[in-house]
Amino acid sequence: MRGYSQIVIEANQAAETTLGVELGAICIKLKHPVQKVSESLNISRQTVYDWFSGKANPTRLKKDEVKQLIRELSKNIKV
């Protein structure tokens, strides 16, 4: 499994906080693959990268699914 590139990490850190950027920060921290996010939300990997960088935002139809995924992933973050 490949990790996140420095470009993706920096784009995520520089982006204004949105639901997609928040998901990106969690995925980067946990090294949770974009492919898994893409599959679980039934969207393209490019869309996931666009969310992570703040270039795009989840649609109204996807927001609840994204919030649920954030909740699930957040359980794995060690404080």
PDB file of N, CA and C in Angstrom:
ATOM      1  N   MET A   1       0.846  -1.180   0.000  1.00  0.00           N
ATOM      2  CA  MET A   1       0.000   0.000   0.000  1.00  0.00           C
ATOM      3  C   MET A   1       0.886   1.235   0.000  1.00  0.00           C
ATOM      4  N   ARG A   2       0.573   2.160  -0.882  1.00  0.00           N
ATOM      5  CA  ARG A   2       1.312   3.408  -0.952  1.00  0.00           C
ATOM      6  C   ARG A   2       0.719   4.406   0.018  1.00  0.00           C
ATOM      7  N   GLY A   3       1.569   5.260   0.551  1.00  0.00           N
ATOM      8  CA  GLY A   3       1.101   6.323   1.426  1.00  0.00           C
ATOM      9  C   GLY A   3       0.688   7.531   0.604  1.00  0.00           C
ATOM     10  N   TYR A   4       0.334   8.584   1.288  1.00  0.00           N
ATOM     11  CA  TYR A   4      -0.065   9.817   0.622  1.00  0.00           C
ATOM     12  C   TYR A   4       1.158  10.614   0.209  1.00  0.00           C
ATOM     13  N   SER A   5       1.097  11.233  -0.960  1.00  0.00           N
ATOM     14  CA  SER A   5       2.214  12.045  -1.437  1.00  0.00           C
ATOM     15  C   SER A   5       2.273  13.351  -0.646  1.00  0.00           C
ATOM     16  N   GLN A   6       3.426  13.954  -0.645  1.00  0.00           N
ATOM     17  CA  GLN A   6       3.605  15.229   0.035  1.00  0.00           C
ATOM     18  C   GLN A   6       2.686  16.293  -0.571  1.00  0.00           C
ATOM     19  N   ILE A   7       2.438  16.198  -1.857  1.00  0.00           N
ATOM     20  CA  ILE A   7       1.556  17.158  -2.531  1.00  0.00           C
ATOM     21  C   ILE A   7       0.141  17.073  -1.974  1.00  0.00           C
ATOM     22  N   VAL A   8      -0.361  15.865  -1.793  1.00  0.00           N
ATOM     23  CA  VAL A   8      -1.710  15.674  -1.251  1.00  0.00           C
ATOM     24  C   VAL A   8      -1.763  16.170   0.197  1.00  0.00           C
ATOM     25  N   ILE A   9      -0.765  15.846   0.974  1.00  0.00           N
ATOM     26  CA  ILE A   9      -0.722  16.263   2.377  1.00  0.00           C
ATOM     27  C   ILE A   9      -0.716  17.785   2.478  1.00  0.00           C
ATOM     28  N   GLU A  10       0.137  18.442   1.696  1.00  0.00           N
ATOM     29  CA  GLU A  10       0.227  19.903   1.744  1.00  0.00           C
ATOM     30  C   GLU A  10      -1.050  20.569   1.239  1.00  0.00           C
ATOM     31  N   ALA A  11      -1.652  20.013   0.196  1.00  0.00           N
ATOM     32  CA  ALA A  11      -2.912  20.566  -0.314  1.00  0.00           C
ATOM     33  C   ALA A  11      -4.010  20.455   0.733  1.00  0.00           C
ATOM     34  N   ASN A  12      -4.046  19.344   1.438  1.00  0.00           N
ATOM     35  CA  ASN A  12      -5.039  19.149   2.492  1.00  0.00           C
ATOM     36  C   ASN A  12      -4.823  20.144   3.625  1.00  0.00           C
ATOM     37  N   GLN A  13      -3.584  20.338   4.031  1.00  0.00           N
ATOM     38  CA  GLN A  13      -3.286  21.252   5.132  1.00  0.00           C
ATOM     39  C   GLN A  13      -3.557  22.707   4.769  1.00  0.00           C
ATOM     40  N   ALA A  14      -3.401  23.062   3.500  1.00  0.00           N
ATOM     41  CA  ALA A  14      -3.584  24.446   3.056  1.00  0.00           C
ATOM     42  C   ALA A  14      -5.049  24.785   2.754  1.00  0.00           C
ATOM     43  N   ALA A  15      -5.878  23.774   2.593  1.00  0.00           N
ATOM     44  CA  ALA A  15      -7.270  23.990   2.192  1.00  0.00           C
ATOM     45  C   ALA A  15      -8.114  24.513   3.352  1.00  0.00           C
ATOM     46  N   GLU A  16      -9.136  25.293   2.996  1.00  0.00           N
ATOM     47  CA  GLU A  16     -10.118  25.715   3.997  1.00  0.00           C
ATOM     48  C   GLU A  16     -10.877  24.479   4.456  1.00  0.00           C
ATOM     49  N   THR A  17     -11.262  24.478   5.714  1.00  0.00           N
ATOM     50  CA  THR A  17     -11.922  23.300   6.274  1.00  0.00           C
ATOM     51  C   THR A  17     -13.320  23.113   5.687  1.00  0.00           C
ATOM     52  N   THR A  18     -13.490  21.964   5.088  1.00  0.00           N
ATOM     53  CA  THR A  18     -14.792  21.504   4.603  1.00  0.00           C
ATOM     54  C   THR A  18     -14.933  20.055   5.052  1.00  0.00           C
ATOM     55  N   LEU A  19     -16.063  19.473   4.790  1.00  0.00           N
ATOM     56  CA  LEU A  19     -16.277  18.077   5.150  1.00  0.00           C
ATOM     57  C   LEU A  19     -15.272  17.167   4.446  1.00  0.00           C
ATOM     58  N   GLY A  20     -15.019  17.442   3.172  1.00  0.00           N
ATOM     59  CA  GLY A  20     -14.062  16.641   2.414  1.00  0.00           C
ATOM     60  C   GLY A  20     -12.634  16.799   2.901  1.00  0.00           C
ATOM     61  N   VAL A  21     -12.268  18.016   3.270  1.00  0.00           N
ATOM     62  CA  VAL A  21     -10.922  18.287   3.789  1.00  0.00           C
ATOM     63  C   VAL A  21     -10.757  17.602   5.153  1.00  0.00           C
ATOM     64  N   GLU A  22     -11.804  17.650   5.967  1.00  0.00           N
ATOM     65  CA  GLU A  22     -11.774  16.968   7.269  1.00  0.00           C
ATOM     66  C   GLU A  22     -11.582  15.468   7.080  1.00  0.00           C
ATOM     67  N   LEU A  23     -12.321  14.889   6.150  1.00  0.00           N
ATOM     68  CA  LEU A  23     -12.160  13.467   5.852  1.00  0.00           C
ATOM     69  C   LEU A  23     -10.739  13.189   5.391  1.00  0.00           C
ATOM     70  N   GLY A  24     -10.207  14.055   4.553  1.00  0.00           N
ATOM     71  CA  GLY A  24      -8.841  13.890   4.070  1.00  0.00           C
ATOM     72  C   GLY A  24      -7.820  13.893   5.186  1.00  0.00           C
ATOM     73  N   ALA A  25      -7.957  14.820   6.120  1.00  0.00           N
ATOM     74  CA  ALA A  25      -7.012  14.907   7.235  1.00  0.00           C
ATOM     75  C   ALA A  25      -7.020  13.618   8.055  1.00  0.00           C
ATOM     76  N   ILE A  26      -8.208  13.078   8.277  1.00  0.00           N
ATOM     77  CA  ILE A  26      -8.326  11.833   9.045  1.00  0.00           C
ATOM     78  C   ILE A  26      -7.709  10.670   8.265  1.00  0.00           C
ATOM     79  N   CYS A  27      -8.023  10.586   6.986  1.00  0.00           N
ATOM     80  CA  CYS A  27      -7.483   9.500   6.160  1.00  0.00           C
ATOM     81  C   CYS A  27      -5.964   9.570   6.081  1.00  0.00           C
ATOM     82  N   ILE A  28      -5.424  10.769   5.941  1.00  0.00           N
ATOM     83  CA  ILE A  28      -3.973  10.935   5.892  1.00  0.00           C
ATOM     84  C   ILE A  28      -3.358  10.494   7.210  1.00  0.00           C
ATOM     85  N   LYS A  29      -3.951  10.939   8.314  1.00  0.00           N
ATOM     86  CA  LYS A  29      -3.426  10.581   9.636  1.00  0.00           C
ATOM     87  C   LYS A  29      -3.432   9.069   9.839  1.00  0.00           C
ATOM     88  N   LEU A  30      -4.510   8.423   9.414  1.00  0.00           N
ATOM     89  CA  LEU A  30      -4.646   6.974   9.610  1.00  0.00           C
ATOM     90  C   LEU A  30      -4.046   6.154   8.475  1.00  0.00           C
ATOM     91  N   LYS A  31      -3.586   6.838   7.427  1.00  0.00           N
ATOM     92  CA  LYS A  31      -3.089   6.165   6.221  1.00  0.00           C
ATOM     93  C   LYS A  31      -4.171   5.266   5.619  1.00  0.00           C
ATOM     94  N   HIS A  32      -5.407   5.755   5.687  1.00  0.00           N
ATOM     95  CA  HIS A  32      -6.557   5.044   5.131  1.00  0.00           C
ATOM     96  C   HIS A  32      -6.592   5.311   3.626  1.00  0.00           C
ATOM     97  N   PRO A  33      -6.517   4.293   2.791  1.00  0.00           N
ATOM     98  CA  PRO A  33      -6.368   4.476   1.347  1.00  0.00           C
ATOM     99  C   PRO A  33      -7.543   5.173   0.660  1.00  0.00           C
ATOM    100  N   VAL A  34      -7.208   6.008  -0.291  1.00  0.00           N
ATOM    101  CA  VAL A  34      -8.209   6.681  -1.121  1.00  0.00           C
ATOM    102  C   VAL A  34      -9.089   5.643  -1.804  1.00  0.00           C
ATOM    103  N   GLN A  35      -8.501   4.547  -2.236  1.00  0.00           N
ATOM    104  CA  GLN A  35      -9.270   3.488  -2.903  1.00  0.00           C
ATOM    105  C   GLN A  35     -10.409   2.995  -2.011  1.00  0.00           C
ATOM    106  N   LYS A  36     -10.147   2.820  -0.728  1.00  0.00           N
ATOM    107  CA  LYS A  36     -11.197   2.347   0.190  1.00  0.00           C
ATOM    108  C   LYS A  36     -12.293   3.393   0.369  1.00  0.00           C
ATOM    109  N   VAL A  37     -11.888   4.668   0.453  1.00  0.00           N
ATOM    110  CA  VAL A  37     -12.876   5.748   0.550  1.00  0.00           C
ATOM    111  C   VAL A  37     -13.736   5.755  -0.707  1.00  0.00           C
ATOM    112  N   SER A  38     -13.084   5.680  -1.844  1.00  0.00           N
ATOM    113  CA  SER A  38     -13.759   5.677  -3.138  1.00  0.00           C
ATOM    114  C   SER A  38     -14.785   4.541  -3.219  1.00  0.00           C
ATOM    115  N   GLU A  39     -14.357   3.351  -2.826  1.00  0.00           N
ATOM    116  CA  GLU A  39     -15.252   2.193  -2.890  1.00  0.00           C
ATOM    117  C   GLU A  39     -16.406   2.307  -1.901  1.00  0.00           C
ATOM    118  N   SER A  40     -16.112   2.756  -0.685  1.00  0.00           N
ATOM    119  CA  SER A  40     -17.169   2.802   0.333  1.00  0.00           C
ATOM    120  C   SER A  40     -18.214   3.877   0.028  1.00  0.00           C
ATOM    121  N   LEU A  41     -17.814   4.942  -0.672  1.00  0.00           N
ATOM    122  CA  LEU A  41     -18.752   6.015  -0.999  1.00  0.00           C
ATOM    123  C   LEU A  41     -19.252   5.944  -2.440  1.00  0.00           C
ATOM    124  N   ASN A  42     -18.756   4.943  -3.191  1.00  0.00           N
ATOM    125  CA  ASN A  42     -19.150   4.744  -4.587  1.00  0.00           C
ATOM    126  C   ASN A  42     -18.907   6.002  -5.425  1.00  0.00           C
ATOM    127  N   ILE A  43     -17.678   6.524  -5.317  1.00  0.00           N
ATOM    128  CA  ILE A  43     -17.254   7.691  -6.091  1.00  0.00           C
ATOM    129  C   ILE A  43     -15.867   7.407  -6.660  1.00  0.00           C
ATOM    130  N   SER A  44     -15.428   8.257  -7.565  1.00  0.00           N
ATOM    131  CA  SER A  44     -14.114   8.045  -8.166  1.00  0.00           C
ATOM    132  C   SER A  44     -12.994   8.456  -7.204  1.00  0.00           C
ATOM    133  N   ARG A  45     -11.822   7.904  -7.422  1.00  0.00           N
ATOM    134  CA  ARG A  45     -10.652   8.294  -6.626  1.00  0.00           C
ATOM    135  C   ARG A  45     -10.328   9.766  -6.847  1.00  0.00           C
ATOM    136  N   GLN A  46     -10.512  10.242  -8.070  1.00  0.00           N
ATOM    137  CA  GLN A  46     -10.239  11.653  -8.357  1.00  0.00           C
ATOM    138  C   GLN A  46     -11.145  12.558  -7.535  1.00  0.00           C
ATOM    139  N   THR A  47     -12.399  12.184  -7.390  1.00  0.00           N
ATOM    140  CA  THR A  47     -13.318  12.962  -6.564  1.00  0.00           C
ATOM    141  C   THR A  47     -12.831  13.014  -5.117  1.00  0.00           C
ATOM    142  N   VAL A  48     -12.363  11.892  -4.609  1.00  0.00           N
ATOM    143  CA  VAL A  48     -11.834  11.846  -3.242  1.00  0.00           C
ATOM    144  C   VAL A  48     -10.654  12.810  -3.110  1.00  0.00           C
ATOM    145  N   TYR A  49      -9.721  12.756  -4.049  1.00  0.00           N
ATOM    146  CA  TYR A  49      -8.573  13.670  -4.004  1.00  0.00           C
ATOM    147  C   TYR A  49      -9.023  15.129  -4.080  1.00  0.00           C
ATOM    148  N   ASP A  50     -10.027  15.412  -4.896  1.00  0.00           N
ATOM    149  CA  ASP A  50     -10.540  16.780  -5.003  1.00  0.00           C
ATOM    150  C   ASP A  50     -11.162  17.235  -3.682  1.00  0.00           C
ATOM    151  N   TRP A  51     -11.854  16.346  -2.996  1.00  0.00           N
ATOM    152  CA  TRP A  51     -12.403  16.679  -1.676  1.00  0.00           C
ATOM    153  C   TRP A  51     -11.286  16.943  -0.686  1.00  0.00           C
ATOM    154  N   PHE A  52     -10.294  16.044  -0.682  1.00  0.00           N
ATOM    155  CA  PHE A  52      -9.196  16.161   0.282  1.00  0.00           C
ATOM    156  C   PHE A  52      -8.459  17.485   0.133  1.00  0.00           C
ATOM    157  N   SER A  53      -8.350  17.984  -1.092  1.00  0.00           N
ATOM    158  CA  SER A  53      -7.601  19.217  -1.351  1.00  0.00           C
ATOM    159  C   SER A  53      -8.468  20.463  -1.298  1.00  0.00           C
ATOM    160  N   GLY A  54      -9.769  20.289  -1.122  1.00  0.00           N
ATOM    161  CA  GLY A  54     -10.676  21.430  -1.067  1.00  0.00           C
ATOM    162  C   GLY A  54     -11.092  21.946  -2.437  1.00  0.00           C
ATOM    163  N   LYS A  55     -10.719  21.245  -3.504  1.00  0.00           N
ATOM    164  CA  LYS A  55     -11.103  21.663  -4.859  1.00  0.00           C
ATOM    165  C   LYS A  55     -12.590  21.428  -5.117  1.00  0.00           C
ATOM    166  N   ALA A  56     -13.161  20.492  -4.390  1.00  0.00           N
ATOM    167  CA  ALA A  56     -14.581  20.162  -4.540  1.00  0.00           C
ATOM    168  C   ALA A  56     -15.123  19.773  -3.167  1.00  0.00           C
ATOM    169  N   ASN A  57     -16.437  19.781  -3.057  1.00  0.00           N
ATOM    170  CA  ASN A  57     -17.092  19.416  -1.805  1.00  0.00           C
ATOM    171  C   ASN A  57     -18.079  18.279  -2.048  1.00  0.00           C
ATOM    172  N   PRO A  58     -18.309  17.460  -1.032  1.00  0.00           N
ATOM    173  CA  PRO A  58     -19.314  16.408  -1.181  1.00  0.00           C
ATOM    174  C   PRO A  58     -20.685  17.010  -1.505  1.00  0.00           C
ATOM    175  N   THR A  59     -21.422  16.324  -2.356  1.00  0.00           N
ATOM    176  CA  THR A  59     -22.778  16.769  -2.684  1.00  0.00           C
ATOM    177  C   THR A  59     -23.693  16.555  -1.487  1.00  0.00           C
ATOM    178  N   ARG A  60     -24.844  17.179  -1.556  1.00  0.00           N
ATOM    179  CA  ARG A  60     -25.822  16.993  -0.470  1.00  0.00           C
ATOM    180  C   ARG A  60     -26.150  15.519  -0.276  1.00  0.00           C
ATOM    181  N   LEU A  61     -26.188  14.782  -1.369  1.00  0.00           N
ATOM    182  CA  LEU A  61     -26.528  13.363  -1.293  1.00  0.00           C
ATOM    183  C   LEU A  61     -25.444  12.537  -0.599  1.00  0.00           C
ATOM    184  N   LYS A  62     -24.208  13.003  -0.646  1.00  0.00           N
ATOM    185  CA  LYS A  62     -23.093  12.253  -0.065  1.00  0.00           C
ATOM    186  C   LYS A  62     -22.719  12.721   1.343  1.00  0.00           C
ATOM    187  N   LYS A  63     -23.189  13.878   1.762  1.00  0.00           N
ATOM    188  CA  LYS A  63     -22.748  14.447   3.043  1.00  0.00           C
ATOM    189  C   LYS A  63     -22.982  13.510   4.225  1.00  0.00           C
ATOM    190  N   ASP A  64     -24.154  12.890   4.294  1.00  0.00           N
ATOM    191  CA  ASP A  64     -24.435  11.986   5.416  1.00  0.00           C
ATOM    192  C   ASP A  64     -23.501  10.778   5.397  1.00  0.00           C
ATOM    193  N   GLU A  65     -23.217  10.255   4.214  1.00  0.00           N
ATOM    194  CA  GLU A  65     -22.299   9.119   4.105  1.00  0.00           C
ATOM    195  C   GLU A  65     -20.885   9.527   4.533  1.00  0.00           C
ATOM    196  N   VAL A  66     -20.474  10.726   4.149  1.00  0.00           N
ATOM    197  CA  VAL A  66     -19.143  11.220   4.520  1.00  0.00           C
ATOM    198  C   VAL A  66     -19.067  11.411   6.030  1.00  0.00           C
ATOM    199  N   LYS A  67     -20.101  11.996   6.609  1.00  0.00           N
ATOM    200  CA  LYS A  67     -20.127  12.187   8.075  1.00  0.00           C
ATOM    201  C   LYS A  67     -20.035  10.848   8.797  1.00  0.00           C
ATOM    202  N   GLN A  68     -20.742   9.850   8.298  1.00  0.00           N
ATOM    203  CA  GLN A  68     -20.694   8.520   8.901  1.00  0.00           C
ATOM    204  C   GLN A  68     -19.295   7.924   8.791  1.00  0.00           C
ATOM    205  N   LEU A  69     -18.668   8.070   7.633  1.00  0.00           N
ATOM    206  CA  LEU A  69     -17.316   7.555   7.448  1.00  0.00           C
ATOM    207  C   LEU A  69     -16.337   8.274   8.382  1.00  0.00           C
ATOM    208  N   ILE A  70     -16.494   9.569   8.550  1.00  0.00           N
ATOM    209  CA  ILE A  70     -15.646  10.326   9.480  1.00  0.00           C
ATOM    210  C   ILE A  70     -15.812   9.782  10.893  1.00  0.00           C
ATOM    211  N   ARG A  71     -17.052   9.537  11.293  1.00  0.00           N
ATOM    212  CA  ARG A  71     -17.294   8.981  12.642  1.00  0.00           C
ATOM    213  C   ARG A  71     -16.617   7.624  12.809  1.00  0.00           C
ATOM    214  N   GLU A  72     -16.751   6.766  11.806  1.00  0.00           N
ATOM    215  CA  GLU A  72     -16.152   5.430  11.877  1.00  0.00           C
ATOM    216  C   GLU A  72     -14.632   5.501  11.949  1.00  0.00           C
ATOM    217  N   LEU A  73     -14.043   6.320  11.096  1.00  0.00           N
ATOM    218  CA  LEU A  73     -12.581   6.431  11.071  1.00  0.00           C
ATOM    219  C   LEU A  73     -12.042   7.105  12.332  1.00  0.00           C
ATOM    220  N   SER A  74     -12.785   8.055  12.853  1.00  0.00           N
ATOM    221  CA  SER A  74     -12.336   8.780  14.048  1.00  0.00           C
ATOM    222  C   SER A  74     -12.178   7.866  15.246  1.00  0.00           C
ATOM    223  N   LYS A  75     -12.898   6.767  15.255  1.00  0.00           N
ATOM    224  CA  LYS A  75     -12.777   5.805  16.350  1.00  0.00           C
ATOM    225  C   LYS A  75     -11.379   5.197  16.397  1.00  0.00           C
ATOM    226  N   ASN A  76     -10.659   5.228  15.276  1.00  0.00           N
ATOM    227  CA  ASN A  76      -9.322   4.634  15.190  1.00  0.00           C
ATOM    228  C   ASN A  76      -8.191   5.602  15.494  1.00  0.00           C
ATOM    229  N   ILE A  77      -8.530   6.863  15.778  1.00  0.00           N
ATOM    230  CA  ILE A  77      -7.491   7.849  16.071  1.00  0.00           C
ATOM    231  C   ILE A  77      -7.126   7.746  17.542  1.00  0.00           C
ATOM    232  N   LYS A  78      -5.850   7.565  17.768  1.00  0.00           N
ATOM    233  CA  LYS A  78      -5.347   7.493  19.153  1.00  0.00           C
ATOM    234  C   LYS A  78      -4.980   8.895  19.605  1.00  0.00           C
ATOM    235  N   VAL A  79      -5.485   9.264  20.736  1.00  0.00           N
ATOM    236  CA  VAL A  79      -5.259  10.621  21.260  1.00  0.00           C
ATOM    237  C   VAL A  79      -3.938  10.697  21.985  1.00  0.00           C
TER     238      VAL A  79
END
